């Protein structure tokens, strides 16, 4: 849940004053300026290029651990903003409960 919460916490628009925050030791930054999100992921994780998602990363030591970003049209979502998901912990728990 902590990894999901960390990813959700940073999936937000990046204000110019905070445009660059170095990742913690052992992590890399994924920044998408076009779609306006950023997150940190473990530096040992590898990209999966055939997924069809905007970003898909997988733990090479445990293929059940992964993260992906799939951008959809705002009109196809009941959310107006990423803040509608709740706190990072609430969003992570909703995902874990769902799957």
N, C-alpha and C. Protein backbone atom coordinates (compact mmCIF):
# COMPACT_ATOMS: atom_id res chain seq x y z
N UNK A 1 0.83 -1.19 0.00
CA UNK A 1 0.00 0.00 0.00
C UNK A 1 0.87 1.25 0.00
N UNK A 2 2.02 1.20 0.63
CA UNK A 2 2.88 2.38 0.71
C UNK A 2 3.39 2.80 -0.66
N UNK A 3 3.75 1.82 -1.51
CA UNK A 3 4.24 2.15 -2.85
C UNK A 3 3.14 2.79 -3.68
N UNK A 4 1.92 2.26 -3.58
CA UNK A 4 0.80 2.84 -4.32
C UNK A 4 0.52 4.23 -3.80
N UNK A 5 0.54 4.41 -2.48
CA UNK A 5 0.30 5.73 -1.89
C UNK A 5 1.35 6.73 -2.34
N UNK A 6 2.60 6.31 -2.42
CA UNK A 6 3.67 7.21 -2.85
C UNK A 6 3.47 7.63 -4.30
N UNK A 7 3.06 6.70 -5.14
CA UNK A 7 2.82 7.03 -6.54
C UNK A 7 1.63 7.96 -6.68
N UNK A 8 0.54 7.66 -5.98
CA UNK A 8 -0.65 8.50 -6.06
C UNK A 8 -0.37 9.89 -5.52
N UNK A 9 0.46 9.99 -4.50
CA UNK A 9 0.75 11.28 -3.88
C UNK A 9 1.38 12.25 -4.86
N UNK A 10 2.10 11.74 -5.83
CA UNK A 10 2.79 12.64 -6.74
C UNK A 10 2.13 12.73 -8.10
N UNK A 11 1.01 12.05 -8.30
CA UNK A 11 0.29 12.15 -9.57
C UNK A 11 -0.57 13.40 -9.56
N UNK A 12 0.05 14.52 -9.72
CA UNK A 12 -0.66 15.78 -9.68
C UNK A 12 0.06 16.79 -10.55
N UNK A 13 -0.62 17.89 -10.83
CA UNK A 13 0.02 18.95 -11.59
C UNK A 13 1.21 19.48 -10.81
N UNK A 14 2.24 19.81 -11.51
CA UNK A 14 3.47 20.25 -10.88
C UNK A 14 3.56 21.77 -10.97
N UNK A 15 3.44 22.49 -9.84
CA UNK A 15 3.60 23.94 -9.88
C UNK A 15 5.03 24.30 -10.31
N UNK A 16 5.20 25.39 -11.04
CA UNK A 16 6.54 25.76 -11.53
C UNK A 16 7.58 25.85 -10.43
N UNK A 17 7.20 26.34 -9.25
CA UNK A 17 8.17 26.47 -8.15
C UNK A 17 8.67 25.12 -7.67
N UNK A 18 7.90 24.06 -7.94
CA UNK A 18 8.29 22.72 -7.51
C UNK A 18 8.58 21.83 -8.71
N UNK A 19 9.01 22.43 -9.79
CA UNK A 19 9.17 21.69 -11.04
C UNK A 19 10.18 20.56 -10.93
N UNK A 20 11.16 20.70 -10.06
CA UNK A 20 12.12 19.61 -9.92
C UNK A 20 12.37 19.32 -8.45
N UNK A 21 12.07 18.13 -8.07
CA UNK A 21 12.40 17.61 -6.75
C UNK A 21 13.19 16.35 -7.00
N UNK A 22 14.42 16.27 -6.51
CA UNK A 22 15.20 15.06 -6.77
C UNK A 22 14.56 13.85 -6.10
N UNK A 23 14.65 12.69 -6.76
CA UNK A 23 14.08 11.49 -6.15
C UNK A 23 14.88 11.06 -4.94
N UNK A 24 14.23 10.34 -4.03
CA UNK A 24 14.97 9.81 -2.88
C UNK A 24 16.00 8.77 -3.36
N UNK A 25 16.99 8.47 -2.54
CA UNK A 25 17.98 7.45 -2.92
C UNK A 25 17.29 6.14 -3.28
N UNK A 26 17.72 5.55 -4.40
CA UNK A 26 17.16 4.28 -4.84
C UNK A 26 15.94 4.42 -5.73
N UNK A 27 15.57 5.66 -6.09
CA UNK A 27 14.40 5.90 -6.92
C UNK A 27 14.77 6.76 -8.12
N UNK A 28 13.96 6.68 -9.17
CA UNK A 28 14.07 7.53 -10.35
C UNK A 28 12.79 8.34 -10.49
N UNK A 29 12.89 9.44 -11.18
CA UNK A 29 11.72 10.28 -11.42
C UNK A 29 11.14 10.00 -12.80
N UNK A 30 9.84 9.91 -12.87
CA UNK A 30 9.12 9.85 -14.14
C UNK A 30 8.33 11.15 -14.23
N UNK A 31 8.61 11.97 -15.22
CA UNK A 31 7.96 13.27 -15.37
C UNK A 31 7.34 13.33 -16.76
N UNK A 32 6.06 13.67 -16.81
CA UNK A 32 5.38 13.87 -18.08
C UNK A 32 4.87 15.30 -18.11
N UNK A 33 5.57 16.16 -18.84
CA UNK A 33 5.20 17.58 -18.89
C UNK A 33 3.93 17.81 -19.70
N UNK A 34 3.66 16.97 -20.66
CA UNK A 34 2.47 17.14 -21.50
C UNK A 34 1.20 16.84 -20.71
N UNK A 35 1.18 15.70 -20.03
CA UNK A 35 -0.01 15.32 -19.26
C UNK A 35 0.00 15.87 -17.84
N UNK A 36 1.13 16.41 -17.41
CA UNK A 36 1.20 17.10 -16.13
C UNK A 36 1.26 16.23 -14.90
N UNK A 37 2.03 15.16 -14.95
CA UNK A 37 2.19 14.35 -13.75
C UNK A 37 3.65 13.96 -13.57
N UNK A 38 3.96 13.53 -12.36
CA UNK A 38 5.30 13.02 -12.05
C UNK A 38 5.17 12.05 -10.88
N UNK A 39 6.09 11.11 -10.82
CA UNK A 39 6.16 10.20 -9.68
C UNK A 39 7.55 9.60 -9.63
N UNK A 40 7.87 9.02 -8.49
CA UNK A 40 9.14 8.33 -8.30
C UNK A 40 8.88 6.83 -8.29
N UNK A 41 9.83 6.09 -8.83
CA UNK A 41 9.71 4.63 -8.84
C UNK A 41 11.08 4.03 -8.54
N UNK A 42 11.10 2.79 -8.02
CA UNK A 42 12.39 2.16 -7.68
C UNK A 42 13.29 2.08 -8.92
N UNK A 43 14.56 2.42 -8.74
CA UNK A 43 15.47 2.48 -9.89
C UNK A 43 15.78 1.12 -10.51
N UNK A 44 15.42 0.04 -9.85
CA UNK A 44 15.65 -1.29 -10.42
C UNK A 44 14.49 -1.73 -11.33
N UNK A 45 13.38 -1.00 -11.31
CA UNK A 45 12.22 -1.38 -12.11
C UNK A 45 12.48 -1.08 -13.58
N UNK A 46 11.87 -1.88 -14.45
CA UNK A 46 12.11 -1.75 -15.89
C UNK A 46 10.83 -1.34 -16.62
N UNK A 47 10.99 -0.58 -17.71
CA UNK A 47 9.80 -0.19 -18.48
C UNK A 47 9.28 -1.35 -19.32
N UNK A 48 7.97 -1.42 -19.46
CA UNK A 48 7.31 -2.37 -20.36
C UNK A 48 6.77 -1.52 -21.50
N UNK A 49 7.31 -1.72 -22.69
CA UNK A 49 6.98 -0.81 -23.79
C UNK A 49 5.79 -1.26 -24.63
N UNK A 50 5.33 -2.47 -24.46
CA UNK A 50 4.24 -2.96 -25.31
C UNK A 50 2.89 -2.94 -24.61
N UNK A 51 2.76 -2.20 -23.52
CA UNK A 51 1.53 -2.27 -22.72
C UNK A 51 0.39 -1.42 -23.27
N UNK A 52 0.70 -0.38 -24.05
CA UNK A 52 -0.35 0.52 -24.51
C UNK A 52 -0.69 1.61 -23.51
N UNK A 53 -0.07 1.59 -22.35
CA UNK A 53 -0.28 2.63 -21.34
C UNK A 53 0.71 3.77 -21.56
N UNK A 54 0.42 4.90 -20.94
CA UNK A 54 1.32 6.04 -21.01
C UNK A 54 2.68 5.66 -20.41
N UNK A 55 2.66 5.02 -19.27
CA UNK A 55 3.86 4.52 -18.59
C UNK A 55 3.51 3.17 -17.97
N UNK A 56 4.40 2.20 -18.09
CA UNK A 56 4.21 0.92 -17.41
C UNK A 56 5.58 0.47 -16.94
N UNK A 57 5.72 0.26 -15.64
CA UNK A 57 6.98 -0.17 -15.04
C UNK A 57 6.74 -1.43 -14.23
N UNK A 58 7.72 -2.33 -14.23
CA UNK A 58 7.57 -3.61 -13.54
C UNK A 58 8.82 -3.92 -12.74
N UNK A 59 8.60 -4.52 -11.58
CA UNK A 59 9.69 -5.01 -10.75
C UNK A 59 10.24 -6.27 -11.41
N UNK A 60 11.51 -6.29 -11.82
CA UNK A 60 12.04 -7.48 -12.49
C UNK A 60 12.18 -8.69 -11.57
N UNK A 61 12.18 -8.46 -10.27
CA UNK A 61 12.32 -9.56 -9.30
C UNK A 61 10.97 -10.16 -8.90
N UNK A 62 9.88 -9.40 -9.13
CA UNK A 62 8.54 -9.87 -8.79
C UNK A 62 7.58 -9.25 -9.80
N UNK A 63 7.20 -10.00 -10.83
CA UNK A 63 6.40 -9.43 -11.91
C UNK A 63 4.98 -9.06 -11.47
N UNK A 64 4.58 -9.46 -10.28
CA UNK A 64 3.27 -9.06 -9.76
C UNK A 64 3.28 -7.63 -9.24
N UNK A 65 4.45 -7.04 -9.07
CA UNK A 65 4.57 -5.65 -8.61
C UNK A 65 4.83 -4.76 -9.81
N UNK A 66 3.89 -3.86 -10.06
CA UNK A 66 4.04 -2.95 -11.19
C UNK A 66 3.26 -1.68 -10.94
N UNK A 67 3.50 -0.70 -11.77
CA UNK A 67 2.74 0.55 -11.75
C UNK A 67 2.56 0.99 -13.19
N UNK A 68 1.37 1.51 -13.47
CA UNK A 68 1.16 2.06 -14.80
C UNK A 68 0.31 3.31 -14.72
N UNK A 69 0.45 4.13 -15.74
CA UNK A 69 -0.34 5.35 -15.87
C UNK A 69 -1.09 5.24 -17.19
N UNK A 70 -2.40 5.39 -17.12
CA UNK A 70 -3.24 5.36 -18.30
C UNK A 70 -4.10 6.62 -18.25
N UNK A 71 -3.88 7.53 -19.17
CA UNK A 71 -4.59 8.80 -19.19
C UNK A 71 -5.87 8.64 -20.00
N UNK A 72 -6.99 9.08 -19.41
CA UNK A 72 -8.26 9.02 -20.12
C UNK A 72 -8.87 10.42 -20.18
N UNK A 73 -9.84 10.56 -21.02
CA UNK A 73 -10.52 11.84 -21.19
C UNK A 73 -11.26 12.21 -19.91
N UNK A 74 -11.22 13.49 -19.50
CA UNK A 74 -11.97 13.91 -18.31
C UNK A 74 -13.46 13.62 -18.43
N UNK A 75 -13.99 13.61 -19.64
CA UNK A 75 -15.42 13.36 -19.81
C UNK A 75 -15.79 11.91 -19.52
N UNK A 76 -14.80 11.01 -19.48
CA UNK A 76 -15.08 9.60 -19.20
C UNK A 76 -14.85 9.25 -17.74
N UNK A 77 -14.66 10.25 -16.91
CA UNK A 77 -14.37 10.03 -15.49
C UNK A 77 -15.34 10.80 -14.62
N UNK A 78 -15.61 10.25 -13.45
CA UNK A 78 -16.47 10.96 -12.50
C UNK A 78 -15.65 11.91 -11.62
N UNK A 79 -14.34 11.96 -11.84
CA UNK A 79 -13.46 12.81 -11.05
C UNK A 79 -13.16 14.10 -11.80
N UNK A 80 -13.20 15.21 -11.09
CA UNK A 80 -12.83 16.49 -11.67
C UNK A 80 -11.35 16.78 -11.50
N UNK A 81 -10.74 16.16 -10.49
CA UNK A 81 -9.35 16.43 -10.15
C UNK A 81 -8.79 15.21 -9.44
N UNK A 82 -7.47 15.11 -9.43
CA UNK A 82 -6.82 14.01 -8.71
C UNK A 82 -7.14 14.07 -7.22
N UNK A 83 -7.45 15.26 -6.71
CA UNK A 83 -7.80 15.39 -5.29
C UNK A 83 -9.12 14.71 -4.97
N UNK A 84 -9.96 14.47 -5.98
CA UNK A 84 -11.22 13.75 -5.76
C UNK A 84 -10.99 12.31 -5.34
N UNK A 85 -9.79 11.80 -5.55
CA UNK A 85 -9.46 10.43 -5.14
C UNK A 85 -9.25 10.32 -3.64
N UNK A 86 -9.09 11.45 -2.95
CA UNK A 86 -8.83 11.44 -1.51
C UNK A 86 -7.34 11.56 -1.25
N UNK A 87 -6.98 11.29 -0.01
CA UNK A 87 -5.57 11.31 0.34
C UNK A 87 -4.85 10.15 -0.36
N UNK A 88 -3.54 10.19 -0.45
CA UNK A 88 -2.82 9.07 -1.06
C UNK A 88 -3.15 7.73 -0.39
N UNK A 89 -3.24 7.72 0.94
CA UNK A 89 -3.57 6.47 1.63
C UNK A 89 -4.99 6.00 1.30
N UNK A 90 -5.95 6.95 1.23
CA UNK A 90 -7.33 6.58 0.88
C UNK A 90 -7.40 6.01 -0.54
N UNK A 91 -6.70 6.66 -1.47
CA UNK A 91 -6.70 6.18 -2.85
C UNK A 91 -6.06 4.80 -2.95
N UNK A 92 -4.95 4.59 -2.25
CA UNK A 92 -4.28 3.28 -2.27
C UNK A 92 -5.19 2.21 -1.69
N UNK A 93 -5.85 2.50 -0.59
CA UNK A 93 -6.74 1.52 0.03
C UNK A 93 -7.93 1.20 -0.86
N UNK A 94 -8.47 2.20 -1.57
CA UNK A 94 -9.58 1.94 -2.51
C UNK A 94 -9.13 0.98 -3.61
N UNK A 95 -7.92 1.21 -4.14
CA UNK A 95 -7.40 0.31 -5.17
C UNK A 95 -7.18 -1.10 -4.63
N UNK A 96 -6.60 -1.19 -3.46
CA UNK A 96 -6.34 -2.51 -2.87
C UNK A 96 -7.64 -3.24 -2.56
N UNK A 97 -8.66 -2.53 -2.10
CA UNK A 97 -9.95 -3.15 -1.81
C UNK A 97 -10.63 -3.63 -3.09
N UNK A 98 -10.43 -2.88 -4.17
CA UNK A 98 -11.08 -3.21 -5.44
C UNK A 98 -10.47 -4.46 -6.08
N UNK A 99 -9.17 -4.61 -5.94
CA UNK A 99 -8.48 -5.73 -6.59
C UNK A 99 -7.94 -6.67 -5.57
